[in-house]
């Protein structure tokens, strides 16, 4: 836990050194999300996106997670659709797996099982190596949040828990 708090502190220090650096804002948003400060993560991601209109798609992934964990399902779905659109433009199948898994996360947290299953099936089509453990680990969530997401995804029984 201390490492996550330190990451937030370092990112805030980075902001004082370079207040207009949108990558620092995006990384700050990731750090804030990792300590469950999702409203702040949303705020910094949106600010980075405003300042850098041609932002990279990963900003959308951060925003999707922050919105989904705040229960802002409709906005998260809209952002998730934009994430998918941006990934399609860049023709990156590995990113499509991540984008579809983010959309699934929205539906999992909102209790929309059928929509979550469809998104997870699309994620597996895009990236057959996708699995619950690697994806949840990559999100750098606190253990309780990681366990919550792992349990919800496992209950759907669509995406494998372990790598194939």
Protein backbone atom coordinates (compact mmCIF):
# COMPACT_ATOMS: atom_id res chain seq x y z
CA UNK A 1 0.00 0.00 0.00
CA UNK A 2 2.82 2.39 0.83
CA UNK A 3 4.16 2.10 -2.73
CA UNK A 4 0.83 3.26 -4.13
CA UNK A 5 0.73 6.24 -1.78
CA UNK A 6 4.33 7.05 -2.71
CA UNK A 7 3.39 6.91 -6.39
CA UNK A 8 0.67 9.48 -5.79
CA UNK A 9 3.14 11.69 -3.92
CA UNK A 10 5.77 11.40 -6.66
CA UNK A 11 3.24 12.20 -9.39
CA UNK A 12 2.07 15.27 -7.49
CA UNK A 13 5.70 16.35 -7.19
CA UNK A 14 6.07 15.81 -10.94
CA UNK A 15 3.08 18.09 -11.47
CA UNK A 16 4.83 20.89 -9.56
CA UNK A 17 7.93 20.46 -11.73
CA UNK A 18 5.99 20.31 -15.01
CA UNK A 19 2.37 21.40 -14.41
CA UNK A 20 1.29 21.09 -18.06
CA UNK A 21 2.71 17.62 -18.71
CA UNK A 22 -0.29 15.52 -19.71
CA UNK A 23 1.54 12.22 -19.32
CA UNK A 24 2.27 13.10 -15.68
CA UNK A 25 -1.44 13.92 -15.27
CA UNK A 26 -2.37 10.54 -16.75
CA UNK A 27 0.06 8.67 -14.53
CA UNK A 28 -1.20 10.66 -11.53
CA UNK A 29 -4.71 9.50 -12.46
CA UNK A 30 -3.53 5.88 -12.52
CA UNK A 31 -1.86 6.32 -9.12
CA UNK A 32 -4.99 7.93 -7.67
CA UNK A 33 -7.16 5.12 -9.04
CA UNK A 34 -4.82 2.57 -7.45
CA UNK A 35 -5.56 4.10 -4.02
CA UNK A 36 -9.29 4.24 -4.79
CA UNK A 37 -9.45 8.02 -5.24
CA UNK A 38 -11.55 7.61 -8.35
CA UNK A 39 -13.13 11.07 -8.43
CA UNK A 40 -9.64 12.62 -8.44
CA UNK A 41 -8.47 10.10 -11.04
CA UNK A 42 -11.41 11.11 -13.22
CA UNK A 43 -10.62 14.81 -12.78
CA UNK A 44 -6.94 14.47 -13.73
CA UNK A 45 -7.65 12.19 -16.70
CA UNK A 46 -10.23 14.61 -18.07
CA UNK A 47 -7.83 17.54 -17.58
CA UNK A 48 -5.07 15.68 -19.45
CA UNK A 49 -7.50 14.89 -22.27
CA UNK A 50 -8.59 18.53 -22.53
CA UNK A 51 -4.99 19.73 -22.70
CA UNK A 52 -3.96 17.07 -25.20
CA UNK A 53 -6.87 16.56 -27.62
CA UNK A 54 -4.96 13.85 -29.52
CA UNK A 55 -4.43 11.85 -26.32
CA UNK A 56 -3.38 8.17 -26.39
CA UNK A 57 -6.13 5.55 -25.93
CA UNK A 58 -4.79 4.43 -22.54
CA UNK A 59 -6.16 7.65 -21.05
CA UNK A 60 -9.61 6.29 -21.86
CA UNK A 61 -8.87 3.07 -20.00
CA UNK A 62 -7.96 5.02 -16.87
CA UNK A 63 -11.13 7.10 -17.21
CA UNK A 64 -13.32 4.01 -17.76
CA UNK A 65 -12.02 2.42 -14.55
CA UNK A 66 -12.42 5.61 -12.50
CA UNK A 67 -15.98 6.13 -13.74
CA UNK A 68 -16.99 2.47 -13.36
CA UNK A 69 -15.85 2.29 -9.75
CA UNK A 70 -17.79 5.47 -8.97
CA UNK A 71 -20.94 3.84 -10.37
CA UNK A 72 -21.10 6.26 -13.32
CA UNK A 73 -22.13 3.44 -15.63
CA UNK A 74 -23.63 5.41 -18.52
CA UNK A 75 -20.66 7.75 -18.81
CA UNK A 76 -18.24 4.82 -18.44
CA UNK A 77 -20.00 2.96 -21.28
CA UNK A 78 -19.75 6.03 -23.54
CA UNK A 79 -16.04 6.36 -22.74
CA UNK A 80 -15.57 2.61 -23.24
CA UNK A 81 -17.11 2.84 -26.70
CA UNK A 82 -14.75 5.70 -27.54
CA UNK A 83 -11.84 3.60 -26.23
CA UNK A 84 -12.81 0.78 -28.60
CA UNK A 85 -13.23 3.20 -31.52
CA UNK A 86 -9.78 4.70 -30.91
CA UNK A 87 -8.17 1.26 -30.68
CA UNK A 88 -9.83 0.18 -33.94
CA UNK A 89 -8.41 3.28 -35.62
CA UNK A 90 -4.92 2.28 -34.49
CA UNK A 91 -5.41 -1.37 -35.56
CA UNK A 92 -3.90 -2.87 -32.43
CA UNK A 93 -5.48 -6.24 -31.49
CA UNK A 94 -3.73 -6.44 -28.11
CA UNK A 95 -5.20 -3.07 -27.17
CA UNK A 96 -8.60 -4.25 -28.37
CA UNK A 97 -8.48 -7.05 -25.80
CA UNK A 98 -7.77 -4.48 -23.09
CA UNK A 99 -10.47 -2.10 -24.33
CA UNK A 100 -13.08 -4.86 -24.42
CA UNK A 101 -12.05 -6.03 -20.95
CA UNK A 102 -12.51 -2.48 -19.67
CA UNK A 103 -16.01 -2.43 -21.15
CA UNK A 104 -16.66 -5.78 -19.47
CA UNK A 105 -15.51 -4.31 -16.15
CA UNK A 106 -18.15 -1.59 -16.44
CA UNK A 107 -20.85 -4.19 -16.95
CA UNK A 108 -19.49 -6.50 -14.24
CA UNK A 109 -19.57 -3.71 -11.65
CA UNK A 110 -23.06 -2.67 -12.78
CA UNK A 111 -24.33 -6.25 -12.62
CA UNK A 112 -25.02 -6.49 -16.37
CA UNK A 113 -23.90 -10.10 -16.77
CA UNK A 114 -24.95 -10.65 -20.39
CA UNK A 115 -23.20 -7.47 -21.58
CA UNK A 116 -20.10 -8.34 -19.56
CA UNK A 117 -19.96 -11.82 -21.11
CA UNK A 118 -20.24 -10.39 -24.64
CA UNK A 119 -17.43 -7.90 -23.99
CA UNK A 120 -15.22 -10.61 -22.46
CA UNK A 121 -15.84 -12.91 -25.44
CA UNK A 122 -14.76 -10.05 -27.74
CA UNK A 123 -11.69 -9.50 -25.56
CA UNK A 124 -10.73 -13.16 -25.95
CA UNK A 125 -11.23 -12.97 -29.71
CA UNK A 126 -8.88 -9.99 -29.84
CA UNK A 127 -6.35 -11.44 -27.40
CA UNK A 128 -6.67 -15.19 -26.76
CA UNK A 129 -3.95 -14.96 -24.09
CA UNK A 130 -6.17 -12.66 -21.99
CA UNK A 131 -6.82 -14.00 -18.49
CA UNK A 132 -8.25 -12.69 -15.25
CA UNK A 133 -5.10 -12.84 -13.13
CA UNK A 134 -2.84 -11.02 -15.59
CA UNK A 135 -5.40 -8.34 -16.33
CA UNK A 136 -6.27 -7.66 -12.68
CA UNK A 137 -2.56 -7.65 -11.76
CA UNK A 138 -1.83 -5.14 -14.52
CA UNK A 139 -4.40 -2.74 -13.07
CA UNK A 140 -2.36 -2.29 -9.84
CA UNK A 141 -5.42 -2.26 -7.63
CA UNK A 142 -5.33 -2.69 -3.91
CA UNK A 143 -5.79 -6.33 -2.86
CA UNK A 144 -9.44 -5.92 -1.81
CA UNK A 145 -10.40 -4.27 -5.10
CA UNK A 146 -8.42 -6.82 -7.09
CA UNK A 147 -10.16 -9.64 -5.24
CA UNK A 148 -13.58 -8.05 -5.87
CA UNK A 149 -12.94 -7.83 -9.62
CA UNK A 150 -11.37 -11.30 -9.80
CA UNK A 151 -14.39 -12.81 -8.05
CA UNK A 152 -16.87 -10.99 -10.27
CA UNK A 153 -15.03 -12.01 -13.46
CA UNK A 154 -14.64 -15.62 -12.30
CA UNK A 155 -18.36 -15.81 -11.53
CA UNK A 156 -19.03 -15.06 -15.21
CA UNK A 157 -16.95 -18.14 -16.15
CA UNK A 158 -16.04 -16.72 -19.57
CA UNK A 159 -12.48 -15.47 -19.32
CA UNK A 160 -9.96 -17.97 -17.92
CA UNK A 161 -8.52 -17.38 -14.48
CA UNK A 162 -5.06 -18.59 -15.53
CA UNK A 163 -3.25 -18.19 -18.85
CA UNK A 164 -4.13 -20.91 -21.39
